N, C-alpha and C. Protein backbone atom coordinates (compact mmCIF):
# COMPACT_ATOMS: atom_id res chain seq x y z
N MET A 1 0.84 -1.18 0.00
CA MET A 1 0.00 0.00 0.00
C MET A 1 0.89 1.24 0.00
N ARG A 2 0.48 2.24 -0.74
CA ARG A 2 1.24 3.48 -0.89
C ARG A 2 1.08 4.36 0.34
N LYS A 3 2.16 5.05 0.76
CA LYS A 3 2.12 5.95 1.90
C LYS A 3 1.35 7.21 1.52
N PRO A 4 0.63 7.81 2.47
CA PRO A 4 -0.10 9.04 2.17
C PRO A 4 0.88 10.17 1.82
N SER A 5 0.45 11.02 0.92
CA SER A 5 1.29 12.14 0.51
C SER A 5 1.41 13.14 1.66
N TRP A 6 2.37 14.04 1.54
CA TRP A 6 2.58 15.06 2.57
C TRP A 6 1.35 15.93 2.75
N LEU A 7 0.60 16.13 1.65
CA LEU A 7 -0.60 16.95 1.72
C LEU A 7 -1.67 16.28 2.58
N VAL A 8 -1.78 14.97 2.44
CA VAL A 8 -2.76 14.23 3.23
C VAL A 8 -2.38 14.28 4.70
N LYS A 9 -1.09 14.09 4.98
CA LYS A 9 -0.62 14.14 6.37
C LYS A 9 -0.87 15.52 6.98
N LEU A 10 -0.51 16.56 6.22
CA LEU A 10 -0.71 17.93 6.68
C LEU A 10 -2.20 18.20 6.93
N TYR A 11 -3.02 17.76 6.00
CA TYR A 11 -4.46 17.94 6.13
C TYR A 11 -4.98 17.26 7.39
N ASN A 12 -4.57 16.02 7.62
CA ASN A 12 -5.03 15.28 8.80
C ASN A 12 -4.63 15.97 10.09
N ILE A 13 -3.39 16.41 10.18
CA ILE A 13 -2.90 17.07 11.39
C ILE A 13 -3.60 18.41 11.59
N ALA A 14 -3.62 19.23 10.53
CA ALA A 14 -4.21 20.57 10.62
C ALA A 14 -5.70 20.49 10.94
N SER A 15 -6.41 19.57 10.30
CA SER A 15 -7.85 19.49 10.54
C SER A 15 -8.16 19.05 11.97
N LYS A 16 -7.33 18.18 12.51
CA LYS A 16 -7.56 17.76 13.90
C LYS A 16 -7.29 18.91 14.87
N ILE A 17 -6.20 19.63 14.67
CA ILE A 17 -5.84 20.74 15.56
C ILE A 17 -6.86 21.87 15.46
N ILE A 18 -7.13 22.31 14.24
CA ILE A 18 -8.05 23.43 14.05
C ILE A 18 -9.47 23.04 14.46
N GLY A 19 -9.86 21.83 14.15
CA GLY A 19 -11.18 21.36 14.55
C GLY A 19 -11.35 21.34 16.06
N ALA A 20 -10.32 20.87 16.75
CA ALA A 20 -10.37 20.84 18.23
C ALA A 20 -10.43 22.26 18.79
N LEU A 21 -9.62 23.17 18.24
CA LEU A 21 -9.63 24.56 18.71
C LEU A 21 -10.98 25.21 18.47
N LEU A 22 -11.54 25.03 17.30
CA LEU A 22 -12.85 25.60 17.00
C LEU A 22 -13.92 25.02 17.92
N PHE A 23 -13.84 23.72 18.18
CA PHE A 23 -14.79 23.08 19.09
C PHE A 23 -14.70 23.69 20.48
N ILE A 24 -13.48 23.86 20.98
CA ILE A 24 -13.27 24.45 22.31
C ILE A 24 -13.81 25.88 22.36
N ILE A 25 -13.52 26.67 21.32
CA ILE A 25 -13.99 28.05 21.29
C ILE A 25 -15.51 28.12 21.25
N ILE A 26 -16.13 27.29 20.43
CA ILE A 26 -17.59 27.29 20.31
C ILE A 26 -18.24 26.85 21.62
N VAL A 27 -17.71 25.77 22.23
CA VAL A 27 -18.28 25.30 23.50
C VAL A 27 -18.10 26.36 24.59
N ALA A 28 -16.92 26.99 24.65
CA ALA A 28 -16.68 28.03 25.64
C ALA A 28 -17.65 29.20 25.45
N CYS A 29 -17.87 29.61 24.21
CA CYS A 29 -18.81 30.70 23.92
C CYS A 29 -20.23 30.33 24.35
N ILE A 30 -20.63 29.11 24.07
CA ILE A 30 -21.97 28.66 24.46
C ILE A 30 -22.11 28.67 25.98
N ILE A 31 -21.11 28.13 26.68
CA ILE A 31 -21.17 28.08 28.15
C ILE A 31 -21.22 29.49 28.72
N LEU A 32 -20.36 30.39 28.22
CA LEU A 32 -20.34 31.77 28.73
C LEU A 32 -21.67 32.48 28.46
N ASN A 33 -22.24 32.27 27.28
CA ASN A 33 -23.51 32.92 26.96
C ASN A 33 -24.65 32.38 27.82
N VAL A 34 -24.70 31.08 28.01
CA VAL A 34 -25.74 30.49 28.86
C VAL A 34 -25.57 30.97 30.29
N ARG A 35 -24.33 30.97 30.76
CA ARG A 35 -24.04 31.42 32.12
C ARG A 35 -24.45 32.88 32.32
N THR A 36 -24.15 33.72 31.34
CA THR A 36 -24.52 35.13 31.42
C THR A 36 -26.04 35.30 31.40
N TYR A 37 -26.73 34.55 30.55
CA TYR A 37 -28.19 34.60 30.47
C TYR A 37 -28.82 34.20 31.80
N VAL A 38 -28.35 33.10 32.38
CA VAL A 38 -28.89 32.63 33.66
C VAL A 38 -28.63 33.66 34.76
N ALA A 39 -27.44 34.24 34.78
CA ALA A 39 -27.10 35.25 35.80
C ALA A 39 -28.01 36.47 35.67
N MET A 40 -28.27 36.88 34.44
CA MET A 40 -29.15 38.04 34.22
C MET A 40 -30.56 37.73 34.71
N LYS A 41 -31.03 36.51 34.45
CA LYS A 41 -32.37 36.11 34.90
C LYS A 41 -32.46 36.08 36.42
N GLU A 42 -31.33 35.76 37.08
CA GLU A 42 -31.29 35.70 38.54
C GLU A 42 -31.03 37.08 39.16
N GLY A 43 -30.80 38.09 38.32
CA GLY A 43 -30.56 39.44 38.81
C GLY A 43 -29.15 39.69 39.28
N LYS A 44 -28.20 38.86 38.88
CA LYS A 44 -26.80 39.03 39.29
C LYS A 44 -26.09 39.98 38.32
N ASP A 45 -25.16 40.76 38.88
CA ASP A 45 -24.36 41.66 38.04
C ASP A 45 -23.25 40.91 37.31
N LEU A 46 -22.64 39.96 38.01
CA LEU A 46 -21.53 39.19 37.43
C LEU A 46 -21.87 37.70 37.46
N PRO A 47 -21.92 37.07 36.31
CA PRO A 47 -22.19 35.63 36.29
C PRO A 47 -21.00 34.87 36.86
N ASP A 48 -21.29 33.75 37.56
CA ASP A 48 -20.20 32.97 38.12
C ASP A 48 -20.25 31.53 37.62
N LEU A 49 -19.11 30.89 37.70
CA LEU A 49 -18.98 29.49 37.33
C LEU A 49 -18.11 28.84 38.40
N PHE A 50 -18.71 27.99 39.22
CA PHE A 50 -18.03 27.31 40.32
C PHE A 50 -17.38 28.31 41.28
N GLY A 51 -18.05 29.43 41.53
CA GLY A 51 -17.54 30.41 42.48
C GLY A 51 -16.56 31.41 41.90
N TYR A 52 -16.23 31.28 40.63
CA TYR A 52 -15.31 32.21 39.97
C TYR A 52 -16.10 33.11 39.01
N LYS A 53 -15.66 34.37 38.92
CA LYS A 53 -16.30 35.32 38.02
C LYS A 53 -15.22 36.03 37.22
N GLN A 54 -15.59 36.46 36.04
CA GLN A 54 -14.64 37.21 35.22
C GLN A 54 -15.03 38.68 35.22
N VAL A 55 -14.00 39.53 35.30
CA VAL A 55 -14.23 40.97 35.34
C VAL A 55 -13.28 41.63 34.35
N LEU A 56 -13.84 42.43 33.48
CA LEU A 56 -13.04 43.18 32.52
C LEU A 56 -12.73 44.54 33.13
N ILE A 57 -11.46 44.89 33.21
CA ILE A 57 -11.05 46.16 33.78
C ILE A 57 -11.36 47.26 32.76
N ALA A 58 -12.24 48.18 33.16
CA ALA A 58 -12.73 49.20 32.23
C ALA A 58 -12.20 50.60 32.52
N GLY A 59 -11.31 50.71 33.50
CA GLY A 59 -10.77 52.02 33.84
C GLY A 59 -9.28 51.94 34.14
N ARG A 60 -8.72 53.07 34.54
CA ARG A 60 -7.28 53.15 34.80
C ARG A 60 -6.94 53.36 36.27
N SER A 61 -7.92 53.23 37.15
CA SER A 61 -7.68 53.53 38.57
C SER A 61 -6.78 52.52 39.26
N MET A 62 -6.56 51.36 38.68
CA MET A 62 -5.72 50.34 39.32
C MET A 62 -4.35 50.20 38.64
N GLU A 63 -4.03 51.12 37.72
CA GLU A 63 -2.72 51.04 37.07
C GLU A 63 -1.63 51.36 38.08
N PRO A 64 -0.47 50.79 38.01
CA PRO A 64 0.03 49.89 36.98
C PRO A 64 -0.30 48.41 37.23
N THR A 65 -0.92 48.10 38.37
CA THR A 65 -1.21 46.69 38.70
C THR A 65 -2.15 46.07 37.68
N LEU A 66 -3.27 46.73 37.44
CA LEU A 66 -4.26 46.28 36.46
C LEU A 66 -4.47 47.39 35.45
N LYS A 67 -4.35 47.04 34.20
CA LYS A 67 -4.47 48.04 33.14
C LYS A 67 -5.83 47.93 32.44
N LEU A 68 -6.22 49.01 31.80
CA LEU A 68 -7.43 49.03 31.00
C LEU A 68 -7.39 47.87 30.02
N GLY A 69 -8.44 47.05 30.01
CA GLY A 69 -8.50 45.92 29.09
C GLY A 69 -7.99 44.61 29.67
N ASP A 70 -7.45 44.62 30.89
CA ASP A 70 -7.07 43.36 31.52
C ASP A 70 -8.33 42.61 31.92
N LEU A 71 -8.22 41.32 32.00
CA LEU A 71 -9.32 40.48 32.48
C LEU A 71 -8.85 39.84 33.77
N ILE A 72 -9.66 39.94 34.81
CA ILE A 72 -9.29 39.26 36.05
C ILE A 72 -10.36 38.24 36.39
N ILE A 73 -9.92 37.20 37.07
CA ILE A 73 -10.83 36.18 37.58
C ILE A 73 -10.90 36.41 39.08
N ILE A 74 -12.11 36.55 39.60
CA ILE A 74 -12.27 36.75 41.03
C ILE A 74 -12.95 35.54 41.64
N LYS A 75 -12.69 35.33 42.90
CA LYS A 75 -13.26 34.19 43.63
C LYS A 75 -14.02 34.70 44.84
N GLU A 76 -15.20 34.16 45.05
CA GLU A 76 -15.96 34.47 46.24
C GLU A 76 -15.23 33.89 47.44
N THR A 77 -15.09 34.67 48.49
CA THR A 77 -14.38 34.21 49.69
C THR A 77 -14.88 34.93 50.92
N ASP A 78 -14.70 34.30 52.07
CA ASP A 78 -15.06 34.94 53.34
C ASP A 78 -13.86 35.64 53.95
N VAL A 79 -12.66 35.32 53.46
CA VAL A 79 -11.43 35.89 54.02
C VAL A 79 -10.97 37.05 53.14
N ILE A 80 -11.08 38.26 53.69
CA ILE A 80 -10.66 39.46 52.97
C ILE A 80 -9.68 40.20 53.87
N LYS A 81 -8.51 40.51 53.32
CA LYS A 81 -7.49 41.17 54.13
C LYS A 81 -6.97 42.42 53.44
N LYS A 82 -6.30 43.25 54.23
CA LYS A 82 -5.71 44.47 53.71
C LYS A 82 -4.74 44.12 52.58
N GLY A 83 -4.84 44.86 51.49
CA GLY A 83 -3.98 44.62 50.33
C GLY A 83 -4.62 43.79 49.25
N ASP A 84 -5.72 43.09 49.56
CA ASP A 84 -6.43 42.29 48.55
C ASP A 84 -7.06 43.21 47.50
N ILE A 85 -7.08 42.73 46.28
CA ILE A 85 -7.80 43.44 45.22
C ILE A 85 -9.19 42.81 45.16
N VAL A 86 -10.21 43.65 45.34
CA VAL A 86 -11.59 43.15 45.38
C VAL A 86 -12.42 43.84 44.30
N THR A 87 -13.43 43.13 43.86
CA THR A 87 -14.42 43.70 42.94
C THR A 87 -15.71 43.82 43.75
N PHE A 88 -16.32 45.01 43.70
CA PHE A 88 -17.49 45.26 44.53
C PHE A 88 -18.51 46.11 43.80
N LYS A 89 -19.74 46.06 44.33
CA LYS A 89 -20.82 46.91 43.82
C LYS A 89 -20.67 48.27 44.48
N ASP A 90 -20.33 49.27 43.69
CA ASP A 90 -20.16 50.63 44.19
C ASP A 90 -21.52 51.31 44.13
N LYS A 91 -22.19 51.37 45.26
CA LYS A 91 -23.56 51.93 45.31
C LYS A 91 -23.58 53.41 44.97
N SER A 92 -22.50 54.13 45.28
CA SER A 92 -22.49 55.57 44.99
C SER A 92 -22.45 55.84 43.48
N MET A 93 -21.83 54.94 42.72
CA MET A 93 -21.74 55.12 41.26
C MET A 93 -22.68 54.20 40.50
N GLY A 94 -23.25 53.23 41.21
CA GLY A 94 -24.13 52.27 40.56
C GLY A 94 -23.38 51.38 39.57
N ALA A 95 -22.15 51.05 39.91
CA ALA A 95 -21.32 50.27 38.98
C ALA A 95 -20.51 49.22 39.75
N ILE A 96 -19.90 48.34 38.98
CA ILE A 96 -18.97 47.36 39.52
C ILE A 96 -17.59 47.99 39.48
N THR A 97 -16.87 47.96 40.60
CA THR A 97 -15.55 48.59 40.71
C THR A 97 -14.54 47.58 41.24
N THR A 98 -13.32 47.68 40.77
CA THR A 98 -12.23 46.84 41.27
C THR A 98 -11.16 47.74 41.86
N HIS A 99 -10.96 47.64 43.18
CA HIS A 99 -9.95 48.42 43.89
C HIS A 99 -9.29 47.55 44.95
N ARG A 100 -8.26 48.10 45.57
CA ARG A 100 -7.52 47.39 46.61
C ARG A 100 -8.08 47.75 47.99
N ILE A 101 -8.08 46.76 48.91
CA ILE A 101 -8.48 47.03 50.29
C ILE A 101 -7.34 47.84 50.93
N HIS A 102 -7.66 49.05 51.32
CA HIS A 102 -6.67 49.97 51.91
C HIS A 102 -6.65 49.85 53.44
N GLU A 103 -7.84 49.61 54.00
CA GLU A 103 -7.97 49.54 55.46
C GLU A 103 -9.24 48.78 55.80
N ILE A 104 -9.22 48.10 56.94
CA ILE A 104 -10.41 47.39 57.43
C ILE A 104 -10.77 47.97 58.79
N LYS A 105 -12.04 48.38 58.93
CA LYS A 105 -12.49 48.98 60.19
C LYS A 105 -13.66 48.19 60.75
N LYS A 106 -13.67 48.04 62.07
CA LYS A 106 -14.80 47.43 62.76
C LYS A 106 -15.63 48.56 63.36
N VAL A 107 -16.88 48.63 62.98
CA VAL A 107 -17.80 49.63 63.54
C VAL A 107 -18.94 48.84 64.17
N GLY A 108 -18.87 48.71 65.49
CA GLY A 108 -19.84 47.87 66.18
C GLY A 108 -19.62 46.42 65.78
N LYS A 109 -20.68 45.79 65.29
CA LYS A 109 -20.58 44.40 64.84
C LYS A 109 -20.25 44.31 63.35
N GLU A 110 -20.25 45.44 62.69
CA GLU A 110 -20.07 45.46 61.23
C GLU A 110 -18.62 45.76 60.85
N THR A 111 -18.16 45.05 59.81
CA THR A 111 -16.83 45.31 59.27
C THR A 111 -16.98 46.15 58.01
N LEU A 112 -16.23 47.25 57.96
CA LEU A 112 -16.24 48.12 56.79
C LEU A 112 -14.87 48.06 56.12
N TYR A 113 -14.89 48.06 54.80
CA TYR A 113 -13.66 47.99 54.03
C TYR A 113 -13.44 49.32 53.32
N ILE A 114 -12.29 49.92 53.56
CA ILE A 114 -11.92 51.17 52.90
C ILE A 114 -11.10 50.76 51.68
N THR A 115 -11.50 51.22 50.51
CA THR A 115 -10.83 50.83 49.27
C THR A 115 -10.17 52.02 48.61
N LYS A 116 -9.24 51.70 47.71
CA LYS A 116 -8.53 52.75 46.98
C LYS A 116 -7.96 52.15 45.70
N GLY A 117 -8.09 52.87 44.62
CA GLY A 117 -7.45 52.47 43.38
C GLY A 117 -5.95 52.77 43.49
N ASP A 118 -5.11 51.88 42.98
CA ASP A 118 -3.65 52.06 43.07
C ASP A 118 -3.20 53.38 42.44
N ALA A 119 -3.88 53.84 41.39
CA ALA A 119 -3.49 55.07 40.71
C ALA A 119 -4.15 56.31 41.31
N ASN A 120 -5.06 56.11 42.25
CA ASN A 120 -5.77 57.24 42.85
C ASN A 120 -4.96 57.84 44.01
N ASN A 121 -5.10 59.14 44.21
CA ASN A 121 -4.39 59.83 45.28
C ASN A 121 -5.07 59.67 46.64
N SER A 122 -6.37 59.41 46.63
CA SER A 122 -7.10 59.31 47.90
C SER A 122 -7.95 58.04 47.93
N ILE A 123 -8.40 57.72 49.13
CA ILE A 123 -9.26 56.55 49.30
C ILE A 123 -10.62 56.83 48.67
N ASP A 124 -11.37 55.75 48.44
CA ASP A 124 -12.72 55.91 47.89
C ASP A 124 -13.59 56.62 48.91
N ARG A 125 -14.57 57.34 48.41
CA ARG A 125 -15.42 58.21 49.23
C ARG A 125 -16.18 57.43 50.31
N TYR A 126 -16.74 56.27 49.93
CA TYR A 126 -17.56 55.52 50.87
C TYR A 126 -16.95 54.16 51.15
N PRO A 127 -16.96 53.75 52.43
CA PRO A 127 -16.51 52.38 52.74
C PRO A 127 -17.53 51.38 52.22
N ILE A 128 -17.10 50.16 52.02
CA ILE A 128 -18.02 49.13 51.52
C ILE A 128 -18.21 48.04 52.58
N LYS A 129 -19.31 47.34 52.45
CA LYS A 129 -19.62 46.23 53.35
C LYS A 129 -19.30 44.92 52.65
N LYS A 130 -19.20 43.87 53.42
CA LYS A 130 -18.91 42.53 52.88
C LYS A 130 -19.94 42.14 51.84
N SER A 131 -21.19 42.51 52.06
CA SER A 131 -22.27 42.14 51.14
C SER A 131 -22.10 42.76 49.75
N GLN A 132 -21.31 43.83 49.64
CA GLN A 132 -21.09 44.48 48.36
C GLN A 132 -19.96 43.83 47.56
N ILE A 133 -19.13 43.04 48.24
CA ILE A 133 -17.95 42.46 47.58
C ILE A 133 -18.34 41.22 46.77
N GLU A 134 -18.04 41.28 45.49
CA GLU A 134 -18.32 40.17 44.58
C GLU A 134 -17.26 39.08 44.69
N GLY A 135 -16.01 39.48 44.97
CA GLY A 135 -14.94 38.51 45.08
C GLY A 135 -13.58 39.16 45.15
N VAL A 136 -12.58 38.33 45.45
CA VAL A 136 -11.19 38.75 45.54
C VAL A 136 -10.45 38.24 44.31
N GLU A 137 -9.53 39.05 43.80
CA GLU A 137 -8.78 38.66 42.60
C GLU A 137 -8.05 37.34 42.84
N ALA A 138 -8.28 36.40 41.94
CA ALA A 138 -7.61 35.09 41.99
C ALA A 138 -6.56 34.98 40.89
N GLN A 139 -6.83 35.62 39.75
CA GLN A 139 -5.92 35.53 38.60
C GLN A 139 -6.07 36.77 37.73
N ASP A 140 -4.95 37.27 37.25
CA ASP A 140 -4.94 38.42 36.34
C ASP A 140 -4.49 37.93 34.97
N LEU A 141 -5.34 38.10 33.99
CA LEU A 141 -5.01 37.70 32.62
C LEU A 141 -4.70 38.98 31.83
N LYS A 142 -3.45 39.39 31.90
CA LYS A 142 -3.00 40.65 31.29
C LYS A 142 -3.37 40.71 29.80
N GLY A 143 -4.10 41.75 29.42
CA GLY A 143 -4.41 42.00 28.02
C GLY A 143 -5.46 41.08 27.42
N PHE A 144 -5.85 40.03 28.13
CA PHE A 144 -6.81 39.06 27.58
C PHE A 144 -8.16 39.71 27.33
N GLY A 145 -8.50 40.66 28.17
CA GLY A 145 -9.78 41.37 27.99
C GLY A 145 -9.82 42.16 26.70
N GLN A 146 -8.65 42.68 26.28
CA GLN A 146 -8.59 43.42 25.02
C GLN A 146 -8.91 42.49 23.85
N ALA A 147 -8.43 41.25 23.93
CA ALA A 147 -8.74 40.27 22.88
C ALA A 147 -10.24 39.99 22.85
N ILE A 148 -10.84 39.86 24.01
CA ILE A 148 -12.29 39.61 24.08
C ILE A 148 -13.05 40.81 23.52
N MET A 149 -12.64 42.03 23.92
CA MET A 149 -13.31 43.23 23.40
C MET A 149 -13.16 43.30 21.88
N PHE A 150 -11.99 42.92 21.36
CA PHE A 150 -11.78 42.94 19.91
C PHE A 150 -12.71 41.94 19.23
N LEU A 151 -12.81 40.73 19.79
CA LEU A 151 -13.67 39.71 19.18
C LEU A 151 -15.15 40.09 19.25
N LYS A 152 -15.52 40.94 20.20
CA LYS A 152 -16.91 41.40 20.30
C LYS A 152 -17.19 42.55 19.34
N SER A 153 -16.13 43.18 18.83
CA SER A 153 -16.31 44.30 17.91
C SER A 153 -16.71 43.78 16.53
N PRO A 154 -17.32 44.62 15.69
CA PRO A 154 -17.70 44.17 14.34
C PRO A 154 -16.49 43.65 13.54
N ILE A 155 -15.36 44.32 13.65
CA ILE A 155 -14.17 43.87 12.90
C ILE A 155 -13.69 42.52 13.43
N GLY A 156 -13.63 42.38 14.75
CA GLY A 156 -13.17 41.13 15.36
C GLY A 156 -14.08 39.97 15.04
N LEU A 157 -15.38 40.21 15.13
CA LEU A 157 -16.34 39.15 14.82
C LEU A 157 -16.25 38.77 13.34
N SER A 158 -16.09 39.77 12.47
CA SER A 158 -15.93 39.50 11.04
C SER A 158 -14.67 38.67 10.78
N LEU A 159 -13.60 39.02 11.47
CA LEU A 159 -12.34 38.28 11.32
C LEU A 159 -12.52 36.83 11.76
N LEU A 160 -13.16 36.61 12.89
CA LEU A 160 -13.39 35.25 13.38
C LEU A 160 -14.24 34.45 12.40
N VAL A 161 -15.31 35.04 11.92
CA VAL A 161 -16.16 34.36 10.93
C VAL A 161 -15.37 34.08 9.66
N GLY A 162 -14.54 35.05 9.24
CA GLY A 162 -13.69 34.87 8.05
C GLY A 162 -12.73 33.71 8.21
N ILE A 163 -12.12 33.58 9.37
CA ILE A 163 -11.19 32.48 9.62
C ILE A 163 -11.92 31.14 9.55
N ILE A 164 -13.11 31.08 10.11
CA ILE A 164 -13.90 29.84 10.05
C ILE A 164 -14.25 29.50 8.61
N ILE A 165 -14.66 30.50 7.84
CA ILE A 165 -15.00 30.25 6.42
C ILE A 165 -13.78 29.79 5.65
N ILE A 166 -12.63 30.42 5.86
CA ILE A 166 -11.39 30.01 5.18
C ILE A 166 -11.03 28.58 5.56
N TYR A 167 -11.18 28.24 6.83
CA TYR A 167 -10.90 26.87 7.28
C TYR A 167 -11.80 25.86 6.56
N ILE A 168 -13.08 26.17 6.48
CA ILE A 168 -14.01 25.26 5.79
C ILE A 168 -13.65 25.14 4.31
N LEU A 169 -13.33 26.27 3.67
CA LEU A 169 -12.94 26.23 2.26
C LEU A 169 -11.65 25.43 2.05
N MET A 170 -10.70 25.58 2.98
CA MET A 170 -9.46 24.80 2.88
C MET A 170 -9.75 23.30 2.96
N ILE A 171 -10.64 22.93 3.84
CA ILE A 171 -11.00 21.51 3.95
C ILE A 171 -11.58 21.01 2.64
N ILE A 172 -12.48 21.79 2.06
CA ILE A 172 -13.12 21.39 0.80
C ILE A 172 -12.08 21.25 -0.31
N VAL A 173 -11.20 22.25 -0.44
CA VAL A 173 -10.18 22.22 -1.50
C VAL A 173 -9.23 21.04 -1.29
N ILE A 174 -8.75 20.84 -0.08
CA ILE A 174 -7.81 19.75 0.17
C ILE A 174 -8.47 18.40 -0.05
N ARG A 175 -9.72 18.25 0.35
CA ARG A 175 -10.43 16.98 0.09
C ARG A 175 -10.55 16.72 -1.41
N ASN A 176 -10.82 17.79 -2.17
CA ASN A 176 -10.90 17.62 -3.63
C ASN A 176 -9.56 17.22 -4.22
N ILE A 177 -8.48 17.83 -3.74
CA ILE A 177 -7.13 17.48 -4.23
C ILE A 177 -6.81 16.03 -3.90
N ILE A 178 -7.13 15.61 -2.69
CA ILE A 178 -6.88 14.23 -2.28
C ILE A 178 -7.71 13.27 -3.13
N ALA A 179 -8.96 13.62 -3.38
CA ALA A 179 -9.82 12.76 -4.20
C ALA A 179 -9.26 12.66 -5.62
N GLU A 180 -8.77 13.78 -6.19
CA GLU A 180 -8.17 13.74 -7.53
C GLU A 180 -6.90 12.92 -7.54
N GLU A 181 -6.08 13.02 -6.48
CA GLU A 181 -4.87 12.20 -6.39
C GLU A 181 -5.22 10.73 -6.40
N LYS A 182 -6.26 10.36 -5.65
CA LYS A 182 -6.69 8.95 -5.59
C LYS A 182 -7.18 8.49 -6.95
N LYS A 183 -7.92 9.34 -7.67
CA LYS A 183 -8.41 8.99 -9.01
C LYS A 183 -7.25 8.76 -9.95
N GLU A 184 -6.24 9.66 -9.90
CA GLU A 184 -5.08 9.54 -10.77
C GLU A 184 -4.30 8.26 -10.45
N LYS A 185 -4.15 7.93 -9.21
CA LYS A 185 -3.40 6.73 -8.80
C LYS A 185 -4.15 5.47 -9.23
N THR A 186 -5.47 5.46 -9.03
CA THR A 186 -6.23 4.26 -9.40
C THR A 186 -6.40 4.16 -10.92
N GLY A 187 -6.41 5.30 -11.58
CA GLY A 187 -6.55 5.30 -13.05
C GLY A 187 -5.25 4.90 -13.74
N SER A 188 -4.10 5.19 -13.12
CA SER A 188 -2.83 4.88 -13.76
C SER A 188 -2.33 3.47 -13.41
N GLU A 189 -2.97 2.79 -12.49
CA GLU A 189 -2.51 1.45 -12.11
C GLU A 189 -3.16 0.39 -12.92
């Protein structure tokens, strides 16, 4: 039996790798979308998966530690200490904010957390309560959020769809070439 040509080998390897990557991307997108939909239905600001949440840094108040466009993964926890980076519901601004715990104060039975952005000159105006804290930073994915924002943009989405279309066309063309090679081999024997 004749050994497969280099094109067949390349096709087999590339199709397995690209197919697996596309499968992972599609499954991840489906899971994230379902998770976000369920969280919205439950009235949550940040969807979670096994106690972890993703937060896209949308400002510059935490530079140089966290930059605009970074993606962080936060974890729900009961242990919060000075110096931790936390994501919380900022009631004064009606937004989700990520800042560092600057100080912890006990007022009666209640614990209040004083926060401050690393790039800010002063502490945040209002202390926060434990109930406002969504989680503590578990992982910083530098620049990963920019990639996500790009893929959500019209250009990024078009590029992703274009890559998928090119991949499908490559499969069709390579299959046709392989089929023609087989015809030529069987016709010449």
